[in-house]
N, C-alpha and C. Protein backbone atom coordinates (compact mmCIF):
# COMPACT_ATOMS: atom_id res chain seq x y z
N MET A 1 144.91 17.33 -93.83
CA MET A 1 143.53 16.94 -94.44
C MET A 1 143.71 15.98 -95.66
N ILE A 2 143.08 14.83 -95.61
CA ILE A 2 143.17 14.00 -96.68
C ILE A 2 141.90 13.91 -97.50
N LEU A 3 142.07 13.94 -98.88
CA LEU A 3 140.99 13.97 -99.83
C LEU A 3 141.00 12.44 -100.25
N TRP A 4 139.91 11.74 -100.11
CA TRP A 4 139.78 10.25 -100.57
C TRP A 4 139.05 10.45 -101.86
N ARG A 5 139.58 9.66 -102.89
CA ARG A 5 139.03 9.80 -104.22
C ARG A 5 139.46 8.50 -104.96
N GLU A 6 138.60 8.21 -105.96
CA GLU A 6 138.92 7.04 -106.90
C GLU A 6 140.28 7.40 -107.63
N ALA A 7 141.08 6.42 -107.66
CA ALA A 7 142.28 6.59 -108.33
C ALA A 7 142.08 6.71 -109.86
N VAL A 8 143.04 7.29 -110.53
CA VAL A 8 143.21 7.38 -111.91
C VAL A 8 144.51 6.76 -112.31
N VAL A 9 144.69 6.38 -113.58
CA VAL A 9 145.91 5.73 -113.97
C VAL A 9 147.17 6.47 -113.61
N ALA A 10 147.03 7.83 -113.69
CA ALA A 10 148.22 8.65 -113.38
C ALA A 10 148.78 8.37 -111.89
N ASP A 11 147.80 7.88 -111.02
CA ASP A 11 148.13 7.57 -109.66
C ASP A 11 148.83 6.21 -109.39
N VAL A 12 148.90 5.43 -110.46
CA VAL A 12 149.44 4.04 -110.33
C VAL A 12 150.92 4.12 -109.81
N PRO A 13 151.76 4.87 -110.35
CA PRO A 13 153.06 4.84 -109.80
C PRO A 13 153.24 5.26 -108.35
N ALA A 14 152.45 6.21 -107.88
CA ALA A 14 152.46 6.56 -106.48
C ALA A 14 151.79 5.44 -105.56
N VAL A 15 150.94 4.67 -106.09
CA VAL A 15 150.36 3.53 -105.38
C VAL A 15 151.39 2.40 -105.22
N VAL A 16 152.00 2.11 -106.40
CA VAL A 16 153.06 1.16 -106.40
C VAL A 16 154.20 1.50 -105.38
N ALA A 17 154.51 2.76 -105.38
CA ALA A 17 155.56 3.24 -104.31
C ALA A 17 155.04 3.05 -102.84
N LEU A 18 153.76 3.14 -102.59
CA LEU A 18 153.20 2.87 -101.34
C LEU A 18 153.27 1.44 -101.08
N LEU A 19 153.02 0.59 -102.01
CA LEU A 19 153.09 -0.83 -101.90
C LEU A 19 154.40 -1.30 -101.52
N ARG A 20 155.47 -0.66 -102.31
CA ARG A 20 156.85 -1.01 -102.01
C ARG A 20 157.39 -0.44 -100.70
N ASP A 21 156.72 0.50 -100.08
CA ASP A 21 157.10 1.19 -98.78
C ASP A 21 156.71 0.41 -97.65
N ASP A 22 157.14 -0.90 -97.71
CA ASP A 22 156.54 -1.84 -96.76
C ASP A 22 157.53 -3.04 -96.65
N VAL A 23 157.66 -3.71 -95.60
CA VAL A 23 158.66 -4.80 -95.48
C VAL A 23 158.39 -5.89 -96.53
N LEU A 24 157.03 -6.31 -96.55
CA LEU A 24 156.69 -7.33 -97.58
C LEU A 24 156.80 -6.77 -99.05
N GLY A 25 156.34 -5.59 -99.19
CA GLY A 25 156.20 -5.13 -100.62
C GLY A 25 157.56 -4.94 -101.25
N GLN A 26 158.53 -4.58 -100.43
CA GLN A 26 159.93 -4.30 -100.92
C GLN A 26 160.38 -5.53 -101.75
N GLY A 27 160.11 -6.78 -101.34
CA GLY A 27 160.63 -7.87 -102.05
C GLY A 27 159.69 -8.41 -103.19
N ARG A 28 158.47 -7.99 -103.16
CA ARG A 28 157.50 -8.58 -104.12
C ARG A 28 156.91 -7.57 -105.20
N GLU A 29 157.02 -6.36 -104.93
CA GLU A 29 156.52 -5.35 -105.98
C GLU A 29 157.60 -5.13 -107.02
N LEU A 30 157.24 -5.16 -108.23
CA LEU A 30 158.17 -5.02 -109.29
C LEU A 30 158.25 -3.50 -109.76
N ALA A 31 159.26 -3.19 -110.65
CA ALA A 31 159.35 -1.93 -111.26
C ALA A 31 158.67 -1.78 -112.55
N ASP A 32 157.95 -2.82 -113.02
CA ASP A 32 157.42 -2.88 -114.31
C ASP A 32 156.10 -2.04 -114.36
N ALA A 33 156.16 -0.78 -114.68
CA ALA A 33 154.99 0.06 -114.59
C ALA A 33 153.92 -0.41 -115.55
N ALA A 34 154.16 -0.92 -116.71
CA ALA A 34 153.28 -1.40 -117.68
C ALA A 34 152.24 -2.55 -117.04
N ARG A 35 152.90 -3.38 -116.31
CA ARG A 35 152.18 -4.54 -115.58
C ARG A 35 151.03 -3.96 -114.60
N TYR A 36 151.43 -2.92 -113.91
CA TYR A 36 150.58 -2.26 -112.93
C TYR A 36 149.42 -1.57 -113.56
N GLU A 37 149.82 -0.77 -114.62
CA GLU A 37 148.79 0.03 -115.35
C GLU A 37 147.89 -0.94 -116.01
N ALA A 38 148.28 -1.95 -116.63
CA ALA A 38 147.36 -2.92 -117.27
C ALA A 38 146.36 -3.54 -116.14
N ALA A 39 146.92 -3.86 -114.96
CA ALA A 39 146.13 -4.33 -113.87
C ALA A 39 144.96 -3.25 -113.45
N PHE A 40 145.54 -1.98 -113.47
CA PHE A 40 144.54 -0.95 -113.07
C PHE A 40 143.44 -0.80 -114.08
N ARG A 41 143.77 -0.97 -115.38
CA ARG A 41 142.79 -0.89 -116.44
C ARG A 41 141.83 -2.08 -116.24
N ALA A 42 142.26 -3.23 -115.97
CA ALA A 42 141.44 -4.42 -115.75
C ALA A 42 140.55 -4.16 -114.58
N MET A 43 141.02 -3.56 -113.53
CA MET A 43 140.08 -3.35 -112.36
C MET A 43 139.04 -2.31 -112.67
N GLU A 44 139.41 -1.33 -113.48
CA GLU A 44 138.30 -0.37 -113.88
C GLU A 44 137.30 -1.11 -114.78
N ALA A 45 137.69 -1.95 -115.64
CA ALA A 45 136.77 -2.56 -116.52
C ALA A 45 135.81 -3.62 -115.79
N GLU A 46 136.27 -4.06 -114.56
CA GLU A 46 135.35 -4.94 -113.78
C GLU A 46 134.24 -4.19 -113.14
N GLY A 47 134.40 -2.83 -112.96
CA GLY A 47 133.24 -2.06 -112.43
C GLY A 47 133.10 -2.11 -110.88
N ALA A 48 133.24 -3.30 -110.30
CA ALA A 48 133.12 -3.39 -108.85
C ALA A 48 134.36 -3.44 -108.08
N ASN A 49 135.45 -3.17 -108.74
CA ASN A 49 136.73 -3.22 -108.14
C ASN A 49 137.41 -1.81 -108.23
N HIS A 50 137.62 -1.16 -107.08
CA HIS A 50 138.03 0.24 -107.11
C HIS A 50 139.35 0.35 -106.31
N LEU A 51 140.23 1.32 -106.76
CA LEU A 51 141.41 1.75 -106.05
C LEU A 51 141.17 3.03 -105.60
N VAL A 52 141.17 3.22 -104.39
CA VAL A 52 140.99 4.53 -103.71
C VAL A 52 142.28 5.09 -103.18
N VAL A 53 142.56 6.38 -103.41
CA VAL A 53 143.77 7.00 -103.00
C VAL A 53 143.36 8.10 -101.94
N GLY A 54 144.27 8.37 -101.00
CA GLY A 54 144.12 9.55 -100.12
C GLY A 54 145.17 10.52 -100.59
N GLU A 55 144.84 11.70 -100.77
CA GLU A 55 145.72 12.74 -101.33
C GLU A 55 145.81 13.96 -100.33
N SER A 56 147.03 14.41 -100.15
CA SER A 56 147.20 15.58 -99.26
C SER A 56 148.29 16.45 -100.03
N ALA A 57 147.92 17.67 -100.15
CA ALA A 57 148.91 18.71 -100.73
C ALA A 57 149.29 18.23 -102.20
N GLY A 58 148.34 17.61 -102.85
CA GLY A 58 148.60 17.16 -104.23
C GLY A 58 149.45 15.86 -104.38
N GLN A 59 149.66 15.22 -103.18
CA GLN A 59 150.51 13.96 -103.12
C GLN A 59 149.58 12.80 -102.73
N VAL A 60 149.72 11.63 -103.30
CA VAL A 60 149.05 10.44 -103.02
C VAL A 60 149.84 9.97 -101.72
N VAL A 61 149.16 9.81 -100.60
CA VAL A 61 149.87 9.44 -99.36
C VAL A 61 149.27 8.21 -98.67
N ALA A 62 148.19 7.66 -99.35
CA ALA A 62 147.61 6.44 -98.80
C ALA A 62 146.71 5.90 -99.88
N CYS A 63 146.38 4.59 -99.72
CA CYS A 63 145.52 3.88 -100.80
C CYS A 63 144.94 2.61 -100.12
N TYR A 64 143.91 2.07 -100.82
CA TYR A 64 143.29 0.79 -100.53
C TYR A 64 142.45 0.47 -101.80
N GLN A 65 142.21 -0.82 -101.74
CA GLN A 65 141.47 -1.42 -102.91
C GLN A 65 140.26 -1.94 -102.16
N ILE A 66 139.04 -1.64 -102.82
CA ILE A 66 137.77 -2.10 -102.31
C ILE A 66 136.98 -2.79 -103.46
N THR A 67 136.61 -3.98 -103.34
CA THR A 67 135.90 -4.69 -104.33
C THR A 67 134.53 -5.13 -103.71
N PHE A 68 133.35 -4.78 -104.44
CA PHE A 68 132.12 -5.14 -104.11
C PHE A 68 131.66 -6.50 -104.59
N ILE A 69 131.25 -7.41 -103.78
CA ILE A 69 130.89 -8.83 -104.12
C ILE A 69 129.51 -9.12 -103.81
N THR A 70 128.80 -9.63 -104.89
CA THR A 70 127.52 -10.03 -104.48
C THR A 70 127.55 -11.66 -104.32
N GLY A 71 126.87 -12.09 -103.38
CA GLY A 71 126.82 -13.49 -103.02
C GLY A 71 125.49 -13.94 -102.45
N LEU A 72 125.46 -15.25 -102.27
CA LEU A 72 124.22 -15.90 -101.71
C LEU A 72 124.17 -16.07 -100.33
N SER A 73 125.36 -16.20 -99.68
CA SER A 73 125.34 -16.45 -98.21
C SER A 73 124.91 -15.33 -97.44
N LEU A 74 124.59 -15.46 -96.17
CA LEU A 74 124.11 -14.48 -95.28
C LEU A 74 122.89 -13.74 -95.88
N SER A 75 121.93 -14.61 -96.34
CA SER A 75 120.70 -14.03 -96.98
C SER A 75 121.07 -13.07 -98.14
N ALA A 76 121.90 -13.58 -98.97
CA ALA A 76 122.23 -12.89 -100.19
C ALA A 76 122.89 -11.49 -99.94
N SER A 77 123.73 -11.38 -98.91
CA SER A 77 124.39 -10.21 -98.55
C SER A 77 125.43 -9.77 -99.59
N ARG A 78 125.52 -8.40 -99.89
CA ARG A 78 126.63 -7.89 -100.64
C ARG A 78 127.67 -7.58 -99.67
N ARG A 79 128.95 -7.83 -100.01
CA ARG A 79 130.07 -7.49 -99.19
C ARG A 79 131.09 -6.75 -99.82
N ALA A 80 131.95 -6.00 -99.06
CA ALA A 80 132.98 -5.31 -99.62
C ALA A 80 134.37 -5.98 -99.07
N GLN A 81 135.27 -6.25 -99.95
CA GLN A 81 136.53 -6.71 -99.62
C GLN A 81 137.47 -5.66 -99.63
N ILE A 82 138.23 -5.41 -98.58
CA ILE A 82 139.26 -4.36 -98.44
C ILE A 82 140.60 -4.96 -98.45
N GLU A 83 141.48 -4.43 -99.26
CA GLU A 83 142.79 -4.96 -99.16
C GLU A 83 143.80 -3.91 -99.60
N SER A 84 145.09 -4.18 -99.46
CA SER A 84 146.21 -3.30 -99.96
C SER A 84 146.06 -1.96 -99.30
N LEU A 85 145.75 -1.97 -97.95
CA LEU A 85 145.73 -0.69 -97.22
C LEU A 85 147.15 -0.24 -97.05
N ARG A 86 147.44 1.09 -97.36
CA ARG A 86 148.81 1.53 -97.19
C ARG A 86 148.72 3.04 -96.79
N VAL A 87 149.55 3.45 -95.87
CA VAL A 87 149.82 4.87 -95.57
C VAL A 87 151.29 5.05 -95.71
N SER A 88 151.65 6.19 -96.25
CA SER A 88 153.04 6.49 -96.28
C SER A 88 153.84 6.40 -94.96
N SER A 89 154.92 5.80 -95.01
CA SER A 89 155.60 5.57 -93.75
C SER A 89 155.86 6.97 -92.98
N GLU A 90 155.91 7.90 -93.79
CA GLU A 90 156.25 9.35 -93.14
C GLU A 90 155.05 9.78 -92.28
N LEU A 91 153.82 9.12 -92.65
CA LEU A 91 152.60 9.76 -91.97
C LEU A 91 151.93 8.68 -91.14
N ARG A 92 152.49 7.50 -90.97
CA ARG A 92 151.78 6.45 -90.07
C ARG A 92 151.84 7.02 -88.64
N GLY A 93 150.83 6.53 -87.95
CA GLY A 93 150.58 6.82 -86.60
C GLY A 93 149.94 8.13 -86.29
N GLN A 94 149.36 8.77 -87.37
CA GLN A 94 148.57 10.08 -87.29
C GLN A 94 147.11 9.92 -87.37
N GLY A 95 146.64 8.71 -87.40
CA GLY A 95 145.17 8.61 -87.50
C GLY A 95 144.58 8.49 -88.84
N ILE A 96 145.50 8.45 -89.87
CA ILE A 96 145.06 8.34 -91.24
C ILE A 96 144.37 7.02 -91.50
N GLY A 97 144.92 6.00 -91.08
CA GLY A 97 144.32 4.63 -91.23
C GLY A 97 142.98 4.54 -90.82
N ALA A 98 142.69 5.05 -89.57
CA ALA A 98 141.15 5.13 -89.07
C ALA A 98 140.34 5.95 -90.02
N VAL A 99 140.82 6.91 -90.54
CA VAL A 99 139.89 7.79 -91.46
C VAL A 99 139.71 6.94 -92.80
N MET A 100 140.89 6.25 -93.20
CA MET A 100 140.69 5.45 -94.44
C MET A 100 139.69 4.41 -94.30
N ILE A 101 139.72 3.63 -93.15
CA ILE A 101 138.68 2.61 -92.80
C ILE A 101 137.22 3.26 -92.83
N ALA A 102 137.20 4.39 -92.23
CA ALA A 102 135.78 5.14 -92.25
C ALA A 102 135.34 5.38 -93.72
N ASP A 103 136.28 5.84 -94.61
CA ASP A 103 135.99 6.03 -95.92
C ASP A 103 135.43 4.72 -96.63
N ALA A 104 136.22 3.70 -96.34
CA ALA A 104 135.97 2.45 -97.02
C ALA A 104 134.45 1.93 -96.44
N GLU A 105 134.31 2.14 -95.30
CA GLU A 105 132.94 1.61 -94.68
C GLU A 105 131.88 2.50 -95.35
N ALA A 106 131.95 3.79 -95.50
CA ALA A 106 130.95 4.61 -96.12
C ALA A 106 130.76 4.19 -97.57
N ARG A 107 131.75 3.82 -98.26
CA ARG A 107 131.70 3.43 -99.67
C ARG A 107 131.01 2.15 -99.69
N ALA A 108 131.30 1.16 -98.81
CA ALA A 108 130.60 -0.07 -98.77
C ALA A 108 129.13 0.07 -98.41
N ARG A 109 128.77 0.94 -97.52
CA ARG A 109 127.38 1.14 -97.20
C ARG A 109 126.58 1.68 -98.42
N ALA A 110 127.23 2.67 -99.13
CA ALA A 110 126.61 3.29 -100.32
C ALA A 110 126.41 2.30 -101.34
N ALA A 111 127.26 1.21 -101.37
CA ALA A 111 127.16 0.21 -102.43
C ALA A 111 126.28 -0.94 -102.05
N GLY A 112 125.51 -0.72 -100.85
CA GLY A 112 124.59 -1.75 -100.43
C GLY A 112 125.10 -2.97 -99.69
N CYS A 113 126.41 -2.76 -99.28
CA CYS A 113 127.04 -3.94 -98.52
C CYS A 113 126.65 -4.08 -97.04
N SER A 114 126.51 -5.23 -96.53
CA SER A 114 126.26 -5.44 -95.17
C SER A 114 127.38 -6.17 -94.38
N LEU A 115 128.43 -6.29 -95.11
CA LEU A 115 129.59 -6.95 -94.56
C LEU A 115 130.81 -6.41 -95.16
N MET A 116 131.83 -6.21 -94.31
CA MET A 116 133.16 -5.83 -94.84
C MET A 116 134.15 -7.03 -94.51
N GLN A 117 135.05 -7.35 -95.40
CA GLN A 117 136.08 -8.44 -95.09
C GLN A 117 137.42 -7.84 -95.56
N PHE A 118 138.43 -8.02 -94.68
CA PHE A 118 139.71 -7.53 -95.06
C PHE A 118 140.71 -8.78 -95.36
N THR A 119 141.55 -8.46 -96.31
CA THR A 119 142.72 -9.41 -96.50
C THR A 119 143.90 -8.80 -95.89
N SER A 120 144.67 -9.75 -95.21
CA SER A 120 145.93 -9.27 -94.60
C SER A 120 146.84 -10.47 -94.44
N ASN A 121 148.02 -10.17 -94.81
CA ASN A 121 149.13 -11.32 -94.62
C ASN A 121 149.17 -11.63 -93.19
N GLN A 122 149.32 -12.97 -92.90
CA GLN A 122 149.30 -13.52 -91.57
C GLN A 122 150.45 -12.81 -90.71
N SER A 123 151.52 -12.41 -91.32
CA SER A 123 152.56 -11.89 -90.57
C SER A 123 152.48 -10.30 -90.08
N ARG A 124 151.31 -9.82 -90.59
CA ARG A 124 151.05 -8.32 -90.35
C ARG A 124 150.39 -8.19 -88.98
N SER A 125 151.07 -8.51 -87.97
CA SER A 125 150.37 -8.51 -86.55
C SER A 125 150.08 -7.09 -86.16
N ALA A 126 150.76 -6.05 -86.59
CA ALA A 126 150.46 -4.62 -86.18
C ALA A 126 149.14 -4.26 -87.04
N ALA A 127 149.00 -4.61 -88.28
CA ALA A 127 147.70 -4.41 -89.04
C ALA A 127 146.54 -5.03 -88.33
N HIS A 128 146.78 -6.25 -87.89
CA HIS A 128 145.62 -7.00 -87.16
C HIS A 128 145.27 -6.32 -85.89
N ARG A 129 146.26 -5.79 -85.13
CA ARG A 129 145.88 -5.02 -83.91
C ARG A 129 145.27 -3.82 -84.23
N PHE A 130 145.61 -3.08 -85.36
CA PHE A 130 144.94 -1.90 -85.74
C PHE A 130 143.52 -2.23 -86.05
N TYR A 131 143.18 -3.24 -86.77
CA TYR A 131 141.78 -3.54 -87.10
C TYR A 131 140.95 -3.96 -85.82
N GLU A 132 141.65 -4.54 -84.84
CA GLU A 132 141.02 -4.82 -83.65
C GLU A 132 140.67 -3.64 -82.71
N ARG A 133 141.69 -2.67 -82.68
CA ARG A 133 141.53 -1.39 -82.10
C ARG A 133 140.29 -0.68 -82.61
N LEU A 134 140.01 -0.76 -83.89
CA LEU A 134 138.78 -0.12 -84.55
C LEU A 134 137.51 -0.97 -84.21
N GLY A 135 137.67 -2.05 -83.65
CA GLY A 135 136.50 -2.86 -83.28
C GLY A 135 136.13 -3.92 -84.34
N PHE A 136 136.93 -4.24 -85.21
CA PHE A 136 136.72 -5.18 -86.27
C PHE A 136 137.03 -6.49 -85.78
N THR A 137 136.31 -7.49 -86.10
CA THR A 137 136.65 -8.89 -86.08
C THR A 137 136.26 -9.46 -87.40
N LEU A 138 136.68 -10.56 -87.77
CA LEU A 138 136.43 -11.11 -89.17
C LEU A 138 135.43 -12.12 -88.92
N PRO A 139 134.23 -12.16 -89.69
CA PRO A 139 133.86 -10.92 -90.47
C PRO A 139 133.21 -9.87 -89.71
N TYR A 140 133.18 -8.63 -90.13
CA TYR A 140 132.59 -7.45 -89.46
C TYR A 140 131.37 -6.98 -90.27
N ARG A 141 130.26 -7.09 -89.60
CA ARG A 141 128.96 -6.62 -90.22
C ARG A 141 128.89 -5.08 -90.05
N ILE A 142 128.47 -4.42 -91.17
CA ILE A 142 128.26 -3.02 -91.12
C ILE A 142 126.71 -2.70 -91.30
């Protein structure tokens, strides 16, 4: 059972570990905790930029970032941008990613969004297949 909740600053090291638990993240995520904590504080101050963690047995095992964006296009639709989706390598393939996307979609709807957009590195073909299996095309209207 995964509990999805807004992250707190104490979760930042666990989230960075998830970001590093990845082929691309191994080479680009740094060990400088102060840098990540400052970025988290800036996200909090923005108000529409949220880090969500999935917790199991008291441990952060998954995360994603969701940012709510107000725009003029598509009849002034509000959209949710989803990025940095990660599930612990030990738990991948167990359906946690699909539950994570459902959580993000529920948060997007609650924030008045009618569109979800994902960012993903072009080399992440497995992630792209995952989104497609869930029925997503870019952009995906909710």
